[in-house]
Amino acid sequence: MPWPVKTDPLRPANKATLSMSTTREPIVRFHRLFSEARAPERADRSACGTLPMRAVRYCEAVTSATAFGWWLYPPIDLELLWDGADIFWRCDAAPDWMPLLPSAQLPDYAAAFDACAPAALKGCSPPFLTALPEPGALQLWTGLIAQTVPDWHLLIRGPANMPHTGGICLFEGIIETDRWFGPLFVNMRFTRSHLPVRLRAGYPLALAQPVPRSSYSNDMLDRMDVTPDPALLTAEQWDAYYDTIVEPNTRPERPFGAYATTARKKRHQCMRGQQDAAT
């Protein structure tokens, strides 16, 4: 039985009426099915204050990548352990190590889910943790369902430019959240055995980034070319290299962060143009 999806602004009757450059409707809606979980948050440009100050001030490339998306959090504090063969877990509500055989629910969640779900869906609460067939690999549910506007999907990956939790590595995946209304999982694998891995509900575990369907289509990705030798660069390209690299270095007293200043001006101009178009 398909999961019921109600009509809302993320499912317009006529997709042609939706312009992402002018609409103020959400591009994504995160449905929190586990109410105690921390809600997703827009990633900030300082990576929770972990980026070096010089990068925050002058490196627009780093800060833009860091802030591109929404942070996703584990729904509870927990610890994981892989002994090389089996996976074990524990949390504050269940402090003893429990084997993952092969899945486990959030503590007391099944009853809470059944209290809200329609009669036909009672007993269908998503598992919190699932051991995957591959050694040392598991799946964690964020407590969320994500729903995007048509032809926009979510790339799920580790947080950009942030220290990752030691002992695990996230698999990256693109989910077609404009059509698949199911639990938002994160797949990961252990990078060490016999040592506990602690996941904190207050520290980002993953990053959800919006990507249009067309951006990773074969047609788009096949549009790539390579200049095999610098002798083939055009005069315009050499001029661009001079303007970008050579000329600034003739001014040793120039201000730092010229790239960041230009990029921020362009971003603000774009934002003002979108606001004017929306009004």
Foldseek 3Di string as FASTA:
>chain_A
DADDDDDDPLEDPDLVVDDPLADPDDQKDKDQQPVQFDDKAQFFQCRVVPRPPCCSVFPPVQSVLLRFFIFFAARAKKKWAAAQAWIWIAHPVGHDTDTCPFFAADPPSLVVNQVPDPPVCRVPDDTQKGHDPDTQKIKGFRSIWMAGHPQKWKWKAARGPYDAFAFKHWDIDIDRRNPRGDTDMTMMGGPDHPDMTIGHSVHGHIGIHIDGNVCPDPVNVVPDDDDPDPVPDDPVVVVVCCVVPPVVVVPPPDDGRPVVVVVVVVVVVSVVVNNVSND
